[in-house]
């Protein structure tokens, strides 16, 4: 699912990375233009526990002049969630790039979804190891999920493109649902196979 963010008279959609049962809303955003670059300069607010940590310039916050702004959120919209696949006990998840965001949300929900055991094969596709920025968080979430989640970080510069044949070799040909989110090229490529 995603929310629309209205900020400075611009409306943009962003995927939700937090679980539906969490109090705080987390969005994962790639900086690809003026709008998303400016979002990284927003203040968390002095009452937020991470406020002072982010006041210093760093890799993810290149300037220390963070400032408060009013941001309006609309949503959630969409239906990209495991609820659509309740009848399946076996799932294949495929994420490329920022497409990992909804799967973060689903894995976080798995921490609270006791008793609904599933078998999940999760492929996190990246070009190189530096792009696997969520790998550690995914490993921690997979280890503590109620379902059995087999995480594979697929580095295409080392392993080539992930193919449907490779997935079938890993998963078998039993009944399962496939959920994909990521770049259009990767999703189209796998869908055609």
C-alpha atoms as a PDB file:
ATOM      1  CA  UNK A   1       0.000   0.000   0.000  1.00  0.00           C
ATOM      2  CA  UNK A   2       1.076   3.584  -0.358  1.00  0.00           C
ATOM      3  CA  UNK A   3       0.251   7.054   0.845  1.00  0.00           C
ATOM      4  CA  UNK A   4       0.194  10.271  -1.100  1.00  0.00           C
ATOM      5  CA  UNK A   5       2.292  13.044   0.393  1.00  0.00           C
ATOM      6  CA  UNK A   6       1.281  16.658  -0.188  1.00  0.00           C
ATOM      7  CA  UNK A   7       4.140  19.009   0.457  1.00  0.00           C
ATOM      8  CA  UNK A   8       4.831  22.422  -1.033  1.00  0.00           C
ATOM      9  CA  UNK A   9       1.721  22.054  -3.271  1.00  0.00           C
ATOM     10  CA  UNK A  10       3.083  18.853  -4.848  1.00  0.00           C
ATOM     11  CA  UNK A  11       1.411  15.472  -4.459  1.00  0.00           C
ATOM     12  CA  UNK A  12       3.580  12.328  -4.678  1.00  0.00           C
ATOM     13  CA  UNK A  13       2.951   8.637  -3.893  1.00  0.00           C
ATOM     14  CA  UNK A  14       5.313   6.767  -1.537  1.00  0.00           C
ATOM     15  CA  UNK A  15       5.202   3.155  -0.371  1.00  0.00           C
ATOM     16  CA  UNK A  16       4.666   2.414   3.304  1.00  0.00           C
ATOM     17  CA  UNK A  17       7.531   0.580   5.038  1.00  0.00           C
ATOM     18  CA  UNK A  18       5.963   0.395   8.493  1.00  0.00           C
ATOM     19  CA  UNK A  19       3.540  -2.259   9.647  1.00  0.00           C
ATOM     20  CA  UNK A  20      -0.182  -1.479   9.902  1.00  0.00           C
ATOM     21  CA  UNK A  21       0.070  -2.169  13.647  1.00  0.00           C
ATOM     22  CA  UNK A  22       2.936   0.271  14.285  1.00  0.00           C
ATOM     23  CA  UNK A  23       2.226   3.677  15.771  1.00  0.00           C
ATOM     24  CA  UNK A  24       4.756   5.563  13.622  1.00  0.00           C
ATOM     25  CA  UNK A  25       4.573   5.783   9.845  1.00  0.00           C
ATOM     26  CA  UNK A  26       7.735   4.948   7.911  1.00  0.00           C
ATOM     27  CA  UNK A  27       8.142   5.729   4.222  1.00  0.00           C
ATOM     28  CA  UNK A  28      11.174   4.673   2.177  1.00  0.00           C
ATOM     29  CA  UNK A  29      12.078   7.295  -0.400  1.00  0.00           C
ATOM     30  CA  UNK A  30      14.771   7.369  -3.080  1.00  0.00           C
ATOM     31  CA  UNK A  31      16.149  10.812  -3.884  1.00  0.00           C
ATOM     32  CA  UNK A  32      15.480  11.273  -7.595  1.00  0.00           C
ATOM     33  CA  UNK A  33      14.694  14.935  -7.994  1.00  0.00           C
ATOM     34  CA  UNK A  34      14.142  18.224  -6.208  1.00  0.00           C
ATOM     35  CA  UNK A  35      11.023  17.073  -4.350  1.00  0.00           C
ATOM     36  CA  UNK A  36      12.532  13.943  -2.832  1.00  0.00           C
ATOM     37  CA  UNK A  37      15.843  15.688  -2.154  1.00  0.00           C
ATOM     38  CA  UNK A  38      14.052  18.410  -0.209  1.00  0.00           C
ATOM     39  CA  UNK A  39      12.170  15.822   1.881  1.00  0.00           C
ATOM     40  CA  UNK A  40      15.494  14.672   3.359  1.00  0.00           C
ATOM     41  CA  UNK A  41      16.011  18.163   4.760  1.00  0.00           C
ATOM     42  CA  UNK A  42      12.842  18.105   6.860  1.00  0.00           C
ATOM     43  CA  UNK A  43      13.142  18.112  10.611  1.00  0.00           C
ATOM     44  CA  UNK A  44      11.968  15.152  12.659  1.00  0.00           C
ATOM     45  CA  UNK A  45      10.924  17.598  15.370  1.00  0.00           C
ATOM     46  CA  UNK A  46      12.666  18.157  18.718  1.00  0.00           C
ATOM     47  CA  UNK A  47      10.369  15.672  20.503  1.00  0.00           C
ATOM     48  CA  UNK A  48      11.508  12.809  18.236  1.00  0.00           C
ATOM     49  CA  UNK A  49      14.211  10.556  19.816  1.00  0.00           C
ATOM     50  CA  UNK A  50      16.308  10.646  16.613  1.00  0.00           C
ATOM     51  CA  UNK A  51      16.138  14.452  16.277  1.00  0.00           C
ATOM     52  CA  UNK A  52      19.598  15.359  17.518  1.00  0.00           C
ATOM     53  CA  UNK A  53      21.283  12.486  15.704  1.00  0.00           C
ATOM     54  CA  UNK A  54      20.037  13.820  12.375  1.00  0.00           C
ATOM     55  CA  UNK A  55      20.982  17.440  13.073  1.00  0.00           C
ATOM     56  CA  UNK A  56      24.541  16.637  12.004  1.00  0.00           C
ATOM     57  CA  UNK A  57      25.469  16.334   8.324  1.00  0.00           C
ATOM     58  CA  UNK A  58      25.962  12.767   7.165  1.00  0.00           C
ATOM     59  CA  UNK A  59      25.493  10.315   4.334  1.00  0.00           C
ATOM     60  CA  UNK A  60      21.684  10.363   4.467  1.00  0.00           C
ATOM     61  CA  UNK A  61      21.296  13.978   5.613  1.00  0.00           C
ATOM     62  CA  UNK A  62      23.922  16.038   3.763  1.00  0.00           C
ATOM     63  CA  UNK A  63      23.054  19.307   5.481  1.00  0.00           C
ATOM     64  CA  UNK A  64      22.425  20.216   9.098  1.00  0.00           C
ATOM     65  CA  UNK A  65      19.806  22.869   8.370  1.00  0.00           C
ATOM     66  CA  UNK A  66      16.819  20.598   8.879  1.00  0.00           C
ATOM     67  CA  UNK A  67      13.642  22.591   9.368  1.00  0.00           C
ATOM     68  CA  UNK A  68      10.034  21.838  10.234  1.00  0.00           C
ATOM     69  CA  UNK A  69       7.437  21.951   7.446  1.00  0.00           C
ATOM     70  CA  UNK A  70       3.804  20.944   7.236  1.00  0.00           C
ATOM     71  CA  UNK A  71       3.315  17.689   5.360  1.00  0.00           C
ATOM     72  CA  UNK A  72      -0.133  16.259   4.619  1.00  0.00           C
ATOM     73  CA  UNK A  73      -0.615  12.526   4.118  1.00  0.00           C
ATOM     74  CA  UNK A  74      -3.487  10.917   2.240  1.00  0.00           C
ATOM     75  CA  UNK A  75      -4.241   7.223   2.091  1.00  0.00           C
ATOM     76  CA  UNK A  76      -3.444   4.413   2.272  1.00  0.00           C
ATOM     77  CA  UNK A  77      -4.187   3.464  -1.332  1.00  0.00           C
ATOM     78  CA  UNK A  78      -3.619   0.265  -3.270  1.00  0.00           C
ATOM     79  CA  UNK A  79      -3.914  -3.365  -2.371  1.00  0.00           C
ATOM     80  CA  UNK A  80      -0.390  -4.760  -2.557  1.00  0.00           C
ATOM     81  CA  UNK A  81      -0.534  -6.806   0.628  1.00  0.00           C
ATOM     82  CA  UNK A  82      -0.553 -10.422   1.769  1.00  0.00           C
ATOM     83  CA  UNK A  83      -4.271 -10.071   2.546  1.00  0.00           C
ATOM     84  CA  UNK A  84      -4.957 -10.552  -1.182  1.00  0.00           C
ATOM     85  CA  UNK A  85      -3.212 -13.924  -0.995  1.00  0.00           C
ATOM     86  CA  UNK A  86      -4.715 -15.338   2.206  1.00  0.00           C
ATOM     87  CA  UNK A  87      -5.498 -18.627   0.457  1.00  0.00           C
ATOM     88  CA  UNK A  88      -1.828 -19.278  -0.288  1.00  0.00           C
ATOM     89  CA  UNK A  89       0.454 -20.833   2.319  1.00  0.00           C
ATOM     90  CA  UNK A  90       3.449 -20.524  -0.039  1.00  0.00           C
ATOM     91  CA  UNK A  91       4.558 -17.161  -1.440  1.00  0.00           C
ATOM     92  CA  UNK A  92       7.381 -15.902  -3.636  1.00  0.00           C
ATOM     93  CA  UNK A  93       8.358 -12.274  -3.087  1.00  0.00           C
ATOM     94  CA  UNK A  94      10.567 -10.460  -5.593  1.00  0.00           C
ATOM     95  CA  UNK A  95      11.790  -6.919  -4.898  1.00  0.00           C
ATOM     96  CA  UNK A  96      14.082  -4.653  -6.869  1.00  0.00           C
ATOM     97  CA  UNK A  97      15.348  -1.281  -5.684  1.00  0.00           C
ATOM     98  CA  UNK A  98      12.878   0.754  -3.666  1.00  0.00           C
ATOM     99  CA  UNK A  99      10.305  -1.952  -4.467  1.00  0.00           C
ATOM    100  CA  UNK A 100      11.525  -3.604  -1.272  1.00  0.00           C
ATOM    101  CA  UNK A 101       9.443  -1.110   0.742  1.00  0.00           C
ATOM    102  CA  UNK A 102       6.065  -2.915   0.818  1.00  0.00           C
ATOM    103  CA  UNK A 103       7.841  -6.159   1.720  1.00  0.00           C
ATOM    104  CA  UNK A 104       9.436  -4.394   4.698  1.00  0.00           C
ATOM    105  CA  UNK A 105       5.915  -3.521   5.816  1.00  0.00           C
ATOM    106  CA  UNK A 106       4.707  -7.103   5.366  1.00  0.00           C
ATOM    107  CA  UNK A 107       7.707  -8.528   7.248  1.00  0.00           C
ATOM    108  CA  UNK A 108       7.132  -6.106  10.117  1.00  0.00           C
ATOM    109  CA  UNK A 109       3.499  -7.198  10.231  1.00  0.00           C
ATOM    110  CA  UNK A 110       4.717 -10.816  10.416  1.00  0.00           C
ATOM    111  CA  UNK A 111       6.188  -9.951  13.839  1.00  0.00           C
ATOM    112  CA  UNK A 112       2.617  -9.509  15.130  1.00  0.00           C
ATOM    113  CA  UNK A 113       0.842 -12.081  12.987  1.00  0.00           C
ATOM    114  CA  UNK A 114       1.337 -15.125  15.204  1.00  0.00           C
ATOM    115  CA  UNK A 115      -0.266 -18.376  14.185  1.00  0.00           C
ATOM    116  CA  UNK A 116      -0.616 -17.608  10.460  1.00  0.00           C
ATOM    117  CA  UNK A 117       2.409 -19.596   9.309  1.00  0.00           C
ATOM    118  CA  UNK A 118       3.503 -19.318   5.675  1.00  0.00           C
ATOM    119  CA  UNK A 119       6.502 -20.416   3.646  1.00  0.00           C
ATOM    120  CA  UNK A 120       8.016 -17.422   1.829  1.00  0.00           C
ATOM    121  CA  UNK A 121      10.877 -17.271  -0.654  1.00  0.00           C
ATOM    122  CA  UNK A 122      12.055 -13.649  -0.771  1.00  0.00           C
ATOM    123  CA  UNK A 123      14.377 -12.475  -3.562  1.00  0.00           C
ATOM    124  CA  UNK A 124      15.883  -9.026  -3.001  1.00  0.00           C
ATOM    125  CA  UNK A 125      17.433  -8.064  -6.355  1.00  0.00           C
ATOM    126  CA  UNK A 126      20.241  -5.510  -6.455  1.00  0.00           C
ATOM    127  CA  UNK A 127      22.881  -4.638  -9.044  1.00  0.00           C
ATOM    128  CA  UNK A 128      25.745  -4.653  -6.563  1.00  0.00           C
ATOM    129  CA  UNK A 129      26.216  -5.212  -2.829  1.00  0.00           C
ATOM    130  CA  UNK A 130      26.255  -1.463  -2.094  1.00  0.00           C
ATOM    131  CA  UNK A 131      22.636  -1.228  -3.259  1.00  0.00           C
ATOM    132  CA  UNK A 132      21.446  -3.785  -0.689  1.00  0.00           C
ATOM    133  CA  UNK A 133      20.822  -1.032   1.868  1.00  0.00           C
ATOM    134  CA  UNK A 134      17.996  -2.951   3.580  1.00  0.00           C
ATOM    135  CA  UNK A 135      19.824  -6.293   3.773  1.00  0.00           C
ATOM    136  CA  UNK A 136      20.597  -6.195   7.499  1.00  0.00           C
ATOM    137  CA  UNK A 137      17.081  -5.067   8.425  1.00  0.00           C
ATOM    138  CA  UNK A 138      15.583  -7.755   6.167  1.00  0.00           C
ATOM    139  CA  UNK A 139      17.780 -10.449   7.715  1.00  0.00           C
ATOM    140  CA  UNK A 140      16.664  -9.425  11.215  1.00  0.00           C
ATOM    141  CA  UNK A 141      12.993  -9.312  10.230  1.00  0.00           C
ATOM    142  CA  UNK A 142      13.155 -12.665   8.421  1.00  0.00           C
ATOM    143  CA  UNK A 143      14.818 -14.304  11.434  1.00  0.00           C
ATOM    144  CA  UNK A 144      12.093 -13.126  13.806  1.00  0.00           C
ATOM    145  CA  UNK A 145       9.065 -13.596  11.525  1.00  0.00           C
ATOM    146  CA  UNK A 146       6.405 -16.101  12.510  1.00  0.00           C
ATOM    147  CA  UNK A 147       6.492 -17.544   8.996  1.00  0.00           C
ATOM    148  CA  UNK A 148       9.542 -19.244   7.512  1.00  0.00           C
ATOM    149  CA  UNK A 149      11.173 -16.685   5.212  1.00  0.00           C
ATOM    150  CA  UNK A 150      14.089 -17.707   3.016  1.00  0.00           C
ATOM    151  CA  UNK A 151      15.845 -14.437   2.041  1.00  0.00           C
ATOM    152  CA  UNK A 152      18.073 -14.427  -1.023  1.00  0.00           C
ATOM    153  CA  UNK A 153      19.958 -11.240  -1.840  1.00  0.00           C
ATOM    154  CA  UNK A 154      20.487 -11.613  -5.591  1.00  0.00           C
ATOM    155  CA  UNK A 155      23.431  -9.488  -6.804  1.00  0.00           C
ATOM    156  CA  UNK A 156      23.034  -9.333 -10.592  1.00  0.00           C
ATOM    157  CA  UNK A 157      26.618  -8.222 -11.318  1.00  0.00           C
ATOM    158  CA  UNK A 158      27.776 -11.464  -9.693  1.00  0.00           C
ATOM    159  CA  UNK A 159      24.895 -13.869 -10.408  1.00  0.00           C
ATOM    160  CA  UNK A 160      23.343 -12.513 -13.590  1.00  0.00           C
ATOM    161  CA  UNK A 161      19.621 -11.905 -13.950  1.00  0.00           C
ATOM    162  CA  UNK A 162      17.227 -13.872 -11.781  1.00  0.00           C
ATOM    163  CA  UNK A 163      15.131 -16.160 -13.966  1.00  0.00           C
ATOM    164  CA  UNK A 164      11.783 -17.853 -13.515  1.00  0.00           C
ATOM    165  CA  UNK A 165      13.625 -21.153 -14.011  1.00  0.00           C
ATOM    166  CA  UNK A 166      15.864 -20.374 -11.017  1.00  0.00           C
ATOM    167  CA  UNK A 167      12.819 -19.561  -8.881  1.00  0.00           C
ATOM    168  CA  UNK A 168      11.100 -22.788  -9.974  1.00  0.00           C
ATOM    169  CA  UNK A 169      14.259 -24.721  -9.071  1.00  0.00           C
ATOM    170  CA  UNK A 170      14.269 -23.181  -5.588  1.00  0.00           C
ATOM    171  CA  UNK A 171      10.521 -23.339  -4.937  1.00  0.00           C
ATOM    172  CA  UNK A 172       9.264 -26.267  -6.993  1.00  0.00           C
ATOM    173  CA  UNK A 173       6.055 -26.363  -8.974  1.00  0.00           C
ATOM    174  CA  UNK A 174       3.507 -26.568  -6.157  1.00  0.00           C
ATOM    175  CA  UNK A 175       0.768 -24.007  -5.660  1.00  0.00           C
ATOM    176  CA  UNK A 176       2.166 -20.602  -4.704  1.00  0.00           C
ATOM    177  CA  UNK A 177       1.530 -16.912  -5.338  1.00  0.00           C
ATOM    178  CA  UNK A 178       4.141 -14.503  -6.671  1.00  0.00           C
ATOM    179  CA  UNK A 179       4.331 -10.882  -5.526  1.00  0.00           C
ATOM    180  CA  UNK A 180       6.710  -8.528  -7.365  1.00  0.00           C
ATOM    181  CA  UNK A 181       7.510  -4.887  -6.790  1.00  0.00           C
ATOM    182  CA  UNK A 182      10.314  -2.890  -8.343  1.00  0.00           C
ATOM    183  CA  UNK A 183      11.542  -1.489 -11.598  1.00  0.00           C
ATOM    184  CA  UNK A 184       9.233  -1.951 -14.555  1.00  0.00           C
ATOM    185  CA  UNK A 185      12.031  -3.580 -16.572  1.00  0.00           C
ATOM    186  CA  UNK A 186      12.687  -6.266 -13.932  1.00  0.00           C
ATOM    187  CA  UNK A 187       8.993  -6.973 -13.322  1.00  0.00           C
ATOM    188  CA  UNK A 188       8.269  -7.149 -17.070  1.00  0.00           C
ATOM    189  CA  UNK A 189      11.287  -9.383 -17.654  1.00  0.00           C
ATOM    190  CA  UNK A 190      10.235 -11.913 -15.018  1.00  0.00           C
ATOM    191  CA  UNK A 191       6.551 -11.751 -16.020  1.00  0.00           C
ATOM    192  CA  UNK A 192       7.378 -12.673 -19.639  1.00  0.00           C
ATOM    193  CA  UNK A 193       9.298 -15.826 -18.656  1.00  0.00           C
END
